[in-house]
C-alpha atoms as a PDB file:
ATOM      1  CA  UNK A   1     -35.748 -82.208  42.032  1.00  0.00           C
ATOM      2  CA  UNK A   2     -38.634 -79.266  42.412  1.00  0.00           C
ATOM      3  CA  UNK A   3     -42.360 -79.654  43.136  1.00  0.00           C
ATOM      4  CA  UNK A   4     -45.251 -77.332  42.221  1.00  0.00           C
ATOM      5  CA  UNK A   5     -44.601 -75.094  45.171  1.00  0.00           C
ATOM      6  CA  UNK A   6     -41.125 -74.030  43.866  1.00  0.00           C
ATOM      7  CA  UNK A   7     -39.330 -73.088  46.713  1.00  0.00           C
ATOM      8  CA  UNK A   8     -39.022 -77.371  48.669  1.00  0.00           C
ATOM      9  CA  UNK A   9     -36.886 -79.598  46.668  1.00  0.00           C
ATOM     10  CA  UNK A  10     -35.215 -82.681  46.986  1.00  0.00           C
ATOM     11  CA  UNK A  11     -31.279 -83.035  46.247  1.00  0.00           C
ATOM     12  CA  UNK A  12     -31.144 -85.845  44.268  1.00  0.00           C
ATOM     13  CA  UNK A  13     -27.373 -87.590  43.592  1.00  0.00           C
ATOM     14  CA  UNK A  14     -27.240 -90.954  41.696  1.00  0.00           C
ATOM     15  CA  UNK A  15     -24.295 -93.201  40.687  1.00  0.00           C
ATOM     16  CA  UNK A  16     -23.769 -93.946  37.378  1.00  0.00           C
ATOM     17  CA  UNK A  17     -22.875 -97.675  37.181  1.00  0.00           C
ATOM     18  CA  UNK A  18     -24.189 -98.600  39.892  1.00  0.00           C
ATOM     19  CA  UNK A  19     -27.660 -96.241  39.745  1.00  0.00           C
ATOM     20  CA  UNK A  20     -27.182 -96.264  43.001  1.00  0.00           C
ATOM     21  CA  UNK A  21     -28.611 -93.025  44.720  1.00  0.00           C
ATOM     22  CA  UNK A  22     -28.816 -90.476  47.856  1.00  0.00           C
ATOM     23  CA  UNK A  23     -31.593 -87.946  48.456  1.00  0.00           C
ATOM     24  CA  UNK A  24     -31.804 -85.110  50.026  1.00  0.00           C
ATOM     25  CA  UNK A  25     -34.469 -82.451  51.408  1.00  0.00           C
ATOM     26  CA  UNK A  26     -33.483 -79.302  49.947  1.00  0.00           C
ATOM     27  CA  UNK A  27     -35.247 -75.990  51.404  1.00  0.00           C
ATOM     28  CA  UNK A  28     -34.311 -73.733  48.678  1.00  0.00           C
ATOM     29  CA  UNK A  29     -31.708 -73.312  45.732  1.00  0.00           C
ATOM     30  CA  UNK A  30     -29.020 -71.800  47.437  1.00  0.00           C
ATOM     31  CA  UNK A  31     -26.138 -73.006  45.556  1.00  0.00           C
ATOM     32  CA  UNK A  32     -24.160 -73.243  49.448  1.00  0.00           C
ATOM     33  CA  UNK A  33     -27.159 -75.307  50.913  1.00  0.00           C
ATOM     34  CA  UNK A  34     -26.677 -77.626  47.652  1.00  0.00           C
ATOM     35  CA  UNK A  35     -22.968 -77.964  47.844  1.00  0.00           C
ATOM     36  CA  UNK A  36     -23.141 -78.583  51.554  1.00  0.00           C
ATOM     37  CA  UNK A  37     -24.852 -81.413  50.530  1.00  0.00           C
ATOM     38  CA  UNK A  38     -23.145 -82.566  47.642  1.00  0.00           C
ATOM     39  CA  UNK A  39     -19.933 -82.306  49.964  1.00  0.00           C
ATOM     40  CA  UNK A  40     -21.282 -84.248  52.576  1.00  0.00           C
ATOM     41  CA  UNK A  41     -22.218 -87.084  50.839  1.00  0.00           C
ATOM     42  CA  UNK A  42     -19.376 -87.349  48.507  1.00  0.00           C
ATOM     43  CA  UNK A  43     -16.580 -87.193  51.118  1.00  0.00           C
ATOM     44  CA  UNK A  44     -17.620 -90.336  52.996  1.00  0.00           C
ATOM     45  CA  UNK A  45     -17.460 -92.811  49.510  1.00  0.00           C
ATOM     46  CA  UNK A  46     -13.861 -93.817  48.741  1.00  0.00           C
ATOM     47  CA  UNK A  47     -11.571 -91.925  45.699  1.00  0.00           C
ATOM     48  CA  UNK A  48     -12.849 -94.314  43.077  1.00  0.00           C
ATOM     49  CA  UNK A  49     -16.598 -93.547  43.915  1.00  0.00           C
ATOM     50  CA  UNK A  50     -16.319 -89.946  43.475  1.00  0.00           C
ATOM     51  CA  UNK A  51     -14.591 -89.245  40.521  1.00  0.00           C
ATOM     52  CA  UNK A  52     -17.000 -87.182  38.476  1.00  0.00           C
ATOM     53  CA  UNK A  53     -20.323 -85.562  38.797  1.00  0.00           C
ATOM     54  CA  UNK A  54     -22.823 -84.042  35.792  1.00  0.00           C
ATOM     55  CA  UNK A  55     -25.245 -81.714  36.819  1.00  0.00           C
ATOM     56  CA  UNK A  56     -27.575 -79.589  35.033  1.00  0.00           C
ATOM     57  CA  UNK A  57     -26.993 -75.332  34.455  1.00  0.00           C
ATOM     58  CA  UNK A  58     -28.991 -74.200  37.088  1.00  0.00           C
ATOM     59  CA  UNK A  59     -27.758 -71.589  39.305  1.00  0.00           C
ATOM     60  CA  UNK A  60     -27.678 -74.025  42.520  1.00  0.00           C
ATOM     61  CA  UNK A  61     -24.557 -75.522  41.582  1.00  0.00           C
ATOM     62  CA  UNK A  62     -22.457 -72.076  40.718  1.00  0.00           C
ATOM     63  CA  UNK A  63     -20.014 -73.766  43.696  1.00  0.00           C
ATOM     64  CA  UNK A  64     -18.788 -76.787  41.723  1.00  0.00           C
ATOM     65  CA  UNK A  65     -15.699 -76.136  41.378  1.00  0.00           C
ATOM     66  CA  UNK A  66     -15.935 -76.698  45.401  1.00  0.00           C
ATOM     67  CA  UNK A  67     -16.034 -80.288  44.254  1.00  0.00           C
ATOM     68  CA  UNK A  68     -12.396 -79.878  42.678  1.00  0.00           C
ATOM     69  CA  UNK A  69     -11.377 -80.235  46.838  1.00  0.00           C
ATOM     70  CA  UNK A  70     -12.251 -84.140  47.201  1.00  0.00           C
ATOM     71  CA  UNK A  71     -11.280 -84.883  43.688  1.00  0.00           C
ATOM     72  CA  UNK A  72     -14.092 -83.619  41.568  1.00  0.00           C
ATOM     73  CA  UNK A  73     -14.114 -83.192  38.178  1.00  0.00           C
ATOM     74  CA  UNK A  74     -17.889 -81.754  37.239  1.00  0.00           C
ATOM     75  CA  UNK A  75     -19.186 -81.055  33.795  1.00  0.00           C
ATOM     76  CA  UNK A  76     -22.102 -78.821  32.570  1.00  0.00           C
ATOM     77  CA  UNK A  77     -25.067 -80.845  30.302  1.00  0.00           C
ATOM     78  CA  UNK A  78     -26.114 -78.601  27.420  1.00  0.00           C
ATOM     79  CA  UNK A  79     -28.953 -76.432  28.112  1.00  0.00           C
ATOM     80  CA  UNK A  80     -32.167 -77.743  27.502  1.00  0.00           C
ATOM     81  CA  UNK A  81     -30.512 -81.650  26.719  1.00  0.00           C
ATOM     82  CA  UNK A  82     -32.153 -84.304  29.132  1.00  0.00           C
ATOM     83  CA  UNK A  83     -31.193 -86.474  28.013  1.00  0.00           C
ATOM     84  CA  UNK A  84     -27.691 -85.944  28.078  1.00  0.00           C
ATOM     85  CA  UNK A  85     -28.122 -87.279  31.971  1.00  0.00           C
ATOM     86  CA  UNK A  86     -30.744 -89.570  31.020  1.00  0.00           C
ATOM     87  CA  UNK A  87     -30.297 -91.955  34.494  1.00  0.00           C
ATOM     88  CA  UNK A  88     -31.129 -89.154  36.326  1.00  0.00           C
ATOM     89  CA  UNK A  89     -34.099 -88.581  34.502  1.00  0.00           C
ATOM     90  CA  UNK A  90     -35.416 -91.673  34.645  1.00  0.00           C
ATOM     91  CA  UNK A  91     -34.692 -92.242  38.546  1.00  0.00           C
ATOM     92  CA  UNK A  92     -36.565 -88.432  38.866  1.00  0.00           C
ATOM     93  CA  UNK A  93     -39.333 -90.216  37.584  1.00  0.00           C
ATOM     94  CA  UNK A  94     -39.325 -93.955  39.458  1.00  0.00           C
ATOM     95  CA  UNK A  95     -39.092 -91.098  42.718  1.00  0.00           C
ATOM     96  CA  UNK A  96     -42.512 -89.702  41.026  1.00  0.00           C
ATOM     97  CA  UNK A  97     -44.168 -92.546  41.737  1.00  0.00           C
ATOM     98  CA  UNK A  98     -43.617 -91.908  45.328  1.00  0.00           C
ATOM     99  CA  UNK A  99     -43.353 -88.404  45.246  1.00  0.00           C
ATOM    100  CA  UNK A 100     -45.666 -86.916  43.158  1.00  0.00           C
ATOM    101  CA  UNK A 101     -44.945 -82.826  42.138  1.00  0.00           C
ATOM    102  CA  UNK A 102     -48.037 -82.053  44.045  1.00  0.00           C
ATOM    103  CA  UNK A 103     -46.338 -83.069  47.303  1.00  0.00           C
ATOM    104  CA  UNK A 104     -45.661 -81.024  49.757  1.00  0.00           C
ATOM    105  CA  UNK A 105     -42.431 -82.207  50.782  1.00  0.00           C
ATOM    106  CA  UNK A 106     -41.978 -79.649  53.549  1.00  0.00           C
ATOM    107  CA  UNK A 107     -43.850 -82.005  55.318  1.00  0.00           C
ATOM    108  CA  UNK A 108     -41.153 -84.689  55.289  1.00  0.00           C
ATOM    109  CA  UNK A 109     -39.090 -85.698  57.517  1.00  0.00           C
ATOM    110  CA  UNK A 110     -35.046 -86.686  56.613  1.00  0.00           C
ATOM    111  CA  UNK A 111     -36.160 -89.932  58.053  1.00  0.00           C
ATOM    112  CA  UNK A 112     -38.652 -90.638  55.511  1.00  0.00           C
ATOM    113  CA  UNK A 113     -36.588 -89.403  52.933  1.00  0.00           C
ATOM    114  CA  UNK A 114     -33.916 -91.910  53.987  1.00  0.00           C
ATOM    115  CA  UNK A 115     -36.092 -94.686  54.103  1.00  0.00           C
ATOM    116  CA  UNK A 116     -37.217 -93.631  50.230  1.00  0.00           C
ATOM    117  CA  UNK A 117     -33.502 -93.687  48.553  1.00  0.00           C
ATOM    118  CA  UNK A 118     -33.342 -97.136  51.150  1.00  0.00           C
ATOM    119  CA  UNK A 119     -36.723 -98.531  49.116  1.00  0.00           C
ATOM    120  CA  UNK A 120     -35.349 -97.474  45.453  1.00  0.00           C
ATOM    121  CA  UNK A 121     -32.025 -98.720  46.151  1.00  0.00           C
ATOM    122  CA  UNK A 122     -33.016-102.515  47.007  1.00  0.00           C
ATOM    123  CA  UNK A 123     -35.483-102.769  44.143  1.00  0.00           C
ATOM    124  CA  UNK A 124     -33.724-105.206  41.549  1.00  0.00           C
ATOM    125  CA  UNK A 125     -33.075-103.723  38.246  1.00  0.00           C
ATOM    126  CA  UNK A 126     -32.947-105.856  34.913  1.00  0.00           C
ATOM    127  CA  UNK A 127     -30.332-103.280  33.622  1.00  0.00           C
ATOM    128  CA  UNK A 128     -28.350-104.721  36.629  1.00  0.00           C
ATOM    129  CA  UNK A 129     -28.638-108.535  35.623  1.00  0.00           C
ATOM    130  CA  UNK A 130     -31.505-108.102  38.371  1.00  0.00           C
ATOM    131  CA  UNK A 131     -29.474-107.351  40.972  1.00  0.00           C
ATOM    132  CA  UNK A 132     -30.130-103.821  43.364  1.00  0.00           C
ATOM    133  CA  UNK A 133     -28.494-100.820  43.440  1.00  0.00           C
ATOM    134  CA  UNK A 134     -27.359-101.631  46.421  1.00  0.00           C
ATOM    135  CA  UNK A 135     -25.930-104.597  45.820  1.00  0.00           C
ATOM    136  CA  UNK A 136     -23.722-103.602  42.481  1.00  0.00           C
ATOM    137  CA  UNK A 137     -23.016-100.179  44.327  1.00  0.00           C
ATOM    138  CA  UNK A 138     -21.551-101.859  47.913  1.00  0.00           C
ATOM    139  CA  UNK A 139     -20.041-105.558  45.701  1.00  0.00           C
ATOM    140  CA  UNK A 140     -18.565-103.670  43.044  1.00  0.00           C
ATOM    141  CA  UNK A 141     -17.851-100.078  43.915  1.00  0.00           C
ATOM    142  CA  UNK A 142     -16.898-100.290  47.507  1.00  0.00           C
ATOM    143  CA  UNK A 143     -14.966-104.235  46.776  1.00  0.00           C
ATOM    144  CA  UNK A 144     -11.371-103.898  48.886  1.00  0.00           C
ATOM    145  CA  UNK A 145      -9.121-106.163  48.621  1.00  0.00           C
ATOM    146  CA  UNK A 146      -8.184-107.752  52.460  1.00  0.00           C
ATOM    147  CA  UNK A 147      -4.739-107.682  53.364  1.00  0.00           C
ATOM    148  CA  UNK A 148      -3.072-110.042  55.607  1.00  0.00           C
ATOM    149  CA  UNK A 149      -0.838-108.721  58.336  1.00  0.00           C
ATOM    150  CA  UNK A 150       0.762-112.269  58.400  1.00  0.00           C
ATOM    151  CA  UNK A 151       3.685-113.013  55.693  1.00  0.00           C
ATOM    152  CA  UNK A 152       2.665-115.832  53.300  1.00  0.00           C
ATOM    153  CA  UNK A 153       3.485-119.296  54.405  1.00  0.00           C
ATOM    154  CA  UNK A 154       6.620-121.270  53.722  1.00  0.00           C
ATOM    155  CA  UNK A 155       6.430-123.690  51.259  1.00  0.00           C
END
């Protein structure tokens, strides 16, 4: 997500089914910084939550092949086709309510950006049956079956 000064950016990552969003400040659009931030977020997720990623055609995503080392497939939208990633475009619109185009995001701290992501992830959505993205993400995507170390009871 770009701002009017064209220098500072916000990396917006969104999980498709839950609409859960992760945000990080980007002081530039260098591809190494972008891939490092993506890997930082994706490495902490379980495998089933990091299967694929759809990105823009910008040069900042040129190191996308490095995501293959953690089992992620990468896809790119066609040029000038924002409808191919409508979920993230919708999220950018939501974020603009809090961070208008003329915002100087260099004045924001990582904590403020994390609080914004927390706020966005805890707003109920009609498309999620009035659950929050955080609820859906944690309850469905990160749900693990409980395993018992005790043998089953004999009858």
